[in-house]
Amino acid sequence: MYIRIAMDLREMILKGEYKQEEKIATEDEIALEYGVSRMTARGAITELVREGLVYRVHGKGTFVSRDKIERNLNRVTGFHEDMISMGLKPSSKVIKFKKRLPTDYECYELKLQKSTTVFEINRIRYIDDKPYGYQELILPEYLLKDLSKEDLEKKSLYAYLESINYPISYANQRMEVSTDTNINKIIDIPTHIPFFYINRISYLENDVPVELFNSYFRGDKFSYSLRLSNHNE
C-alpha cells in the first residue's frame, strides 16, 4: 500500500498538481484518504524523501522539493550574489563568531604568523528561509579589523570586501561529494542527504590570501557547471 500511495503522490508532483515548495497532504490526511495506518502513510512519504521529490521540515510538514539550483564555477562569486541573480532570497545565520590564534594549517594557507589573530566564523545559509548549506570561514583579522557578526548576516562577505576596497582577485577551490551527519543535524535536514563539500582559498591582488573556507551545500538541491576549453591557456 505504501508503494501505491507513493506512486500516486509522485504522479501528482510530476504532473504539477503539487507545485515546488508546496506542502503536501499530512500523514493523517493520507491515512484517512486511503484507509491505512499512519505508519503506512509515513512509509509512502519516506519513499519520496529518499527519491528527493519531497523534504520534511520538523514541526511544519512535508514539502515538494525545488528543482536543483545550478551554480557556475567559472567565476569567483559568493552564495549571496548567486542567489540574488537567480531571483531567490538568500540569508545567513551566524552561529559562531570568535577571534583566536590560527592553527598551523591556517598559518600555512593564509601565510600568517602564529601570533596573528583570525576570525573563526560558522554560518548557516538559507534560501527563502530554508536551510541549504553551512560554511566555516577563517579570515585574517589584520585585513578585516571592523568586521562584525551583523555584517555577515545582512550581506555578502564579498560585498563587504568590495566596500573596504579589498575585492577578491582569484581563488583556488577543491570540491568533492561528502556525507557528514553532524552537518545535517546543525542545519536540521535529513541525515541521508549528501553535500557538495568545497574548500576554497581566496586571494586579493598581489597574492594576499584573505579567506579560507569549508562549505557544505545540499547535494539534493544544487548542481555545478564549469566551462571547459581545449586551448592550452
Protein backbone atom coordinates (compact mmCIF):
# COMPACT_ATOMS: atom_id res chain seq x y z
CA MET A 1 0.00 0.00 0.00
CA TYR A 2 2.72 2.48 0.82
CA ILE A 3 4.26 1.90 -2.63
CA ARG A 4 0.89 2.52 -4.28
CA ILE A 5 0.38 5.71 -2.26
CA ALA A 6 3.92 6.86 -3.12
CA MET A 7 3.18 6.26 -6.82
CA ASP A 8 0.01 8.36 -6.59
CA LEU A 9 1.79 11.20 -4.83
CA ARG A 10 4.73 11.01 -7.25
CA GLU A 11 2.35 11.32 -10.19
CA MET A 12 0.67 14.36 -8.62
CA ILE A 13 4.04 16.02 -8.13
CA LEU A 14 5.32 15.24 -11.64
CA LYS A 15 2.07 16.47 -13.20
CA GLY A 16 2.34 19.72 -11.27
CA GLU A 17 -0.73 19.17 -9.10
CA TYR A 18 1.65 19.89 -6.22
CA LYS A 19 3.91 22.86 -7.01
CA GLN A 20 7.53 23.36 -5.95
CA GLU A 21 7.82 24.23 -2.25
CA GLU A 22 4.10 23.45 -1.74
CA LYS A 23 3.12 21.48 1.35
CA ILE A 24 1.66 18.05 0.53
CA ALA A 25 -1.02 16.16 2.46
CA THR A 26 -0.14 15.17 6.03
CA GLU A 27 0.32 11.59 7.18
CA ASP A 28 -3.06 11.75 8.93
CA GLU A 29 -4.76 13.06 5.79
CA ILE A 30 -3.17 10.37 3.62
CA ALA A 31 -4.07 7.65 6.13
CA LEU A 32 -7.70 8.80 6.17
CA GLU A 33 -7.96 9.06 2.37
CA TYR A 34 -6.53 5.58 1.71
CA GLY A 35 -7.87 3.84 4.80
CA VAL A 36 -4.42 2.84 6.03
CA SER A 37 -2.41 3.30 9.19
CA ARG A 38 -0.36 6.41 9.82
CA MET A 39 2.79 4.23 9.66
CA THR A 40 1.89 3.16 6.10
CA ALA A 41 1.32 6.80 5.13
CA ARG A 42 4.67 7.71 6.66
CA GLY A 43 6.34 4.95 4.62
CA ALA A 44 4.95 6.43 1.41
CA ILE A 45 6.29 9.88 2.24
CA THR A 46 9.66 8.44 3.30
CA GLU A 47 9.92 6.79 -0.13
CA LEU A 48 9.50 10.18 -1.80
CA VAL A 49 12.01 11.77 0.57
CA ARG A 50 14.57 9.13 -0.45
CA GLU A 51 13.94 9.98 -4.10
CA GLY A 52 14.47 13.69 -3.39
CA LEU A 53 10.98 14.64 -4.58
CA VAL A 54 9.93 15.99 -1.18
CA TYR A 55 11.59 17.06 2.06
CA ARG A 56 10.43 17.23 5.65
CA VAL A 57 10.61 20.31 7.86
CA HIS A 58 10.33 19.47 11.54
CA GLY A 59 7.10 20.76 13.02
CA LYS A 60 5.83 22.14 9.69
CA GLY A 61 5.21 19.22 7.35
CA THR A 62 6.44 17.80 4.04
CA PHE A 63 7.11 19.97 1.00
CA VAL A 64 7.77 19.43 -2.70
CA SER A 65 11.45 19.91 -3.50
CA ARG A 66 12.64 22.77 -5.66
CA ASP A 67 14.42 21.93 -8.91
CA LYS A 68 18.17 21.92 -8.40
CA ILE A 69 19.88 25.30 -8.31
CA GLU A 70 22.79 25.49 -10.74
CA ARG A 71 25.88 27.44 -9.74
CA ASN A 72 28.60 28.39 -12.17
CA LEU A 73 32.24 27.71 -11.25
CA ASN A 74 33.79 29.88 -13.95
CA ARG A 75 33.92 32.99 -11.75
CA VAL A 76 34.68 33.77 -8.13
CA THR A 77 31.26 34.63 -6.71
CA GLY A 78 29.61 34.19 -3.36
CA PHE A 79 26.44 32.36 -2.40
CA HIS A 80 24.60 35.62 -1.73
CA GLU A 81 25.35 37.13 -5.15
CA ASP A 82 24.50 33.91 -6.98
CA MET A 83 21.11 33.52 -5.31
CA ILE A 84 20.16 37.18 -5.80
CA SER A 85 20.98 36.88 -9.51
CA MET A 86 18.50 33.97 -9.74
CA GLY A 87 15.72 35.95 -8.08
CA LEU A 88 15.95 33.99 -4.82
CA LYS A 89 16.07 35.33 -1.27
CA PRO A 90 19.32 34.33 0.48
CA SER A 91 20.03 34.89 4.16
CA SER A 92 22.51 33.75 6.78
CA LYS A 93 22.61 32.91 10.46
CA VAL A 94 25.99 33.23 12.17
CA ILE A 95 26.26 30.53 14.84
CA LYS A 96 29.90 31.16 15.75
CA PHE A 97 31.91 34.38 15.60
CA LYS A 98 35.16 34.49 17.55
CA LYS A 99 38.74 35.68 17.41
CA ARG A 100 41.54 33.22 18.06
CA LEU A 101 45.07 32.26 17.08
CA PRO A 102 45.40 30.25 13.86
CA THR A 103 46.26 26.58 13.57
CA ASP A 104 49.44 25.52 11.77
CA TYR A 105 47.35 24.63 8.69
CA GLU A 106 45.67 28.05 8.69
CA CYS A 107 49.04 29.79 9.08
CA TYR A 108 50.34 27.91 6.05
CA GLU A 109 47.33 28.52 3.79
CA LEU A 110 46.78 32.15 4.81
CA LYS A 111 50.51 32.99 5.06
CA LEU A 112 50.20 34.13 8.66
CA GLN A 113 52.47 34.29 11.67
CA LYS A 114 51.40 32.10 14.56
CA SER A 115 50.72 35.20 16.66
CA THR A 116 48.36 36.75 14.07
CA THR A 117 44.70 36.67 15.13
CA VAL A 118 41.99 35.28 12.85
CA PHE A 119 38.21 35.37 12.82
CA GLU A 120 36.55 31.98 13.00
CA ILE A 121 33.00 32.20 11.65
CA ASN A 122 30.42 29.47 11.14
CA ARG A 123 27.13 30.24 9.47
CA ILE A 124 24.05 28.52 8.05
CA ARG A 125 22.98 29.63 4.58
CA TYR A 126 19.28 29.87 3.73
CA ILE A 127 17.18 30.31 0.61
CA ASP A 128 13.66 31.61 1.22
CA ASP A 129 14.21 30.90 4.94
CA LYS A 130 15.01 27.19 4.36
CA PRO A 131 18.48 25.77 5.18
CA TYR A 132 20.57 24.92 2.15
CA GLY A 133 24.14 24.93 3.41
CA TYR A 134 26.76 25.51 6.09
CA GLN A 135 30.08 27.35 5.96
CA GLU A 136 33.16 27.58 8.14
CA LEU A 137 35.30 30.66 7.43
CA ILE A 138 38.74 31.70 8.63
CA LEU A 139 39.67 35.34 7.93
CA PRO A 140 42.80 37.29 8.95
CA GLU A 141 41.83 39.97 11.47
CA TYR A 142 44.54 42.40 10.34
CA LEU A 143 42.75 42.79 6.99
CA LEU A 144 39.23 42.98 8.43
CA LYS A 145 39.51 44.76 11.76
CA ASP A 146 35.99 46.21 11.70
CA LEU A 147 34.18 43.05 10.60
CA SER A 148 31.17 42.18 12.78
CA LYS A 149 28.69 39.32 13.08
CA GLU A 150 25.96 41.60 11.75
CA ASP A 151 27.94 42.28 8.55
CA LEU A 152 27.87 38.60 7.66
CA GLU A 153 24.18 38.10 8.44
CA LYS A 154 22.95 41.11 6.48
CA LYS A 155 25.14 40.98 3.38
CA SER A 156 27.73 39.04 1.44
CA LEU A 157 31.31 38.76 2.64
CA TYR A 158 32.46 39.57 -0.88
CA ALA A 159 30.29 42.69 -0.94
CA TYR A 160 31.85 43.69 2.39
CA LEU A 161 35.34 43.17 0.95
CA GLU A 162 34.42 45.33 -2.04
CA SER A 163 33.18 48.07 0.31
CA ILE A 164 36.57 48.26 2.04
CA ASN A 165 38.50 48.13 -1.26
CA TYR A 166 39.61 44.51 -0.91
CA PRO A 167 37.95 42.82 -3.90
CA ILE A 168 38.68 39.13 -4.47
CA SER A 169 41.13 38.68 -7.35
CA TYR A 170 41.13 34.88 -7.68
CA ALA A 171 40.63 31.69 -5.68
CA ASN A 172 41.85 28.13 -5.54
CA GLN A 173 39.00 25.70 -4.98
CA ARG A 174 38.55 21.98 -4.47
CA MET A 175 35.17 20.21 -4.49
CA GLU A 176 34.02 16.70 -3.66
CA VAL A 177 30.92 14.87 -2.50
CA SER A 178 30.73 14.41 1.25
CA THR A 179 28.47 12.99 3.94
CA ASP A 180 28.55 14.36 7.46
CA THR A 181 25.59 13.70 9.74
CA ASN A 182 26.83 16.37 12.16
CA ILE A 183 26.36 18.99 9.43
CA ASN A 184 22.90 17.60 8.64
CA LYS A 185 21.94 17.98 12.29
CA ILE A 186 23.32 21.52 12.52
CA ILE A 187 21.15 22.72 9.65
CA ASP A 188 18.25 20.39 10.55
CA ILE A 189 17.86 18.33 7.39
CA PRO A 190 17.51 14.52 6.94
CA THR A 191 20.75 12.68 7.71
CA HIS A 192 20.81 10.73 4.42
CA ILE A 193 21.25 13.89 2.29
CA PRO A 194 24.86 14.27 0.98
CA PHE A 195 26.72 17.54 0.44
CA PHE A 196 28.94 19.17 -2.11
CA TYR A 197 31.99 19.92 0.03
CA ILE A 198 34.02 22.91 -1.16
CA ASN A 199 37.37 24.03 0.18
CA ARG A 200 38.39 27.47 -1.09
CA ILE A 201 41.25 29.88 -0.51
CA SER A 202 40.56 33.35 -1.89
CA TYR A 203 43.18 35.98 -2.67
CA LEU A 204 43.40 39.73 -3.04
CA GLU A 205 45.69 41.38 -5.54
CA ASN A 206 49.41 40.69 -5.01
CA ASP A 207 48.55 37.11 -3.95
CA VAL A 208 47.44 38.07 -0.43
CA PRO A 209 45.15 35.33 0.98
CA VAL A 210 42.04 36.78 2.64
CA GLU A 211 39.72 33.82 3.08
CA LEU A 212 39.89 30.13 3.89
CA PHE A 213 36.57 28.34 3.99
CA ASN A 214 34.95 24.95 4.09
CA SER A 215 31.48 24.95 2.60
CA TYR A 216 28.77 22.29 2.56
CA PHE A 217 25.81 22.67 0.21
CA ARG A 218 22.99 20.17 -0.16
CA GLY A 219 23.58 17.62 -2.91
CA ASP A 220 19.85 17.26 -3.49
CA LYS A 221 19.41 20.99 -4.11
CA PHE A 222 22.45 22.08 -6.12
CA SER A 223 24.33 21.28 -9.30
CA TYR A 224 27.51 22.94 -10.56
CA SER A 225 28.61 23.86 -14.08
CA LEU A 226 32.07 24.58 -15.45
CA ARG A 227 33.15 25.84 -18.88
CA LEU A 228 35.89 23.66 -20.39
CA SER A 229 38.33 24.78 -23.07
CA ASN A 230 40.57 22.89 -25.47
CA HIS A 231 43.09 25.74 -25.59
CA ASN A 232 46.43 25.40 -23.81
CA GLU A 233 45.96 28.64 -21.83
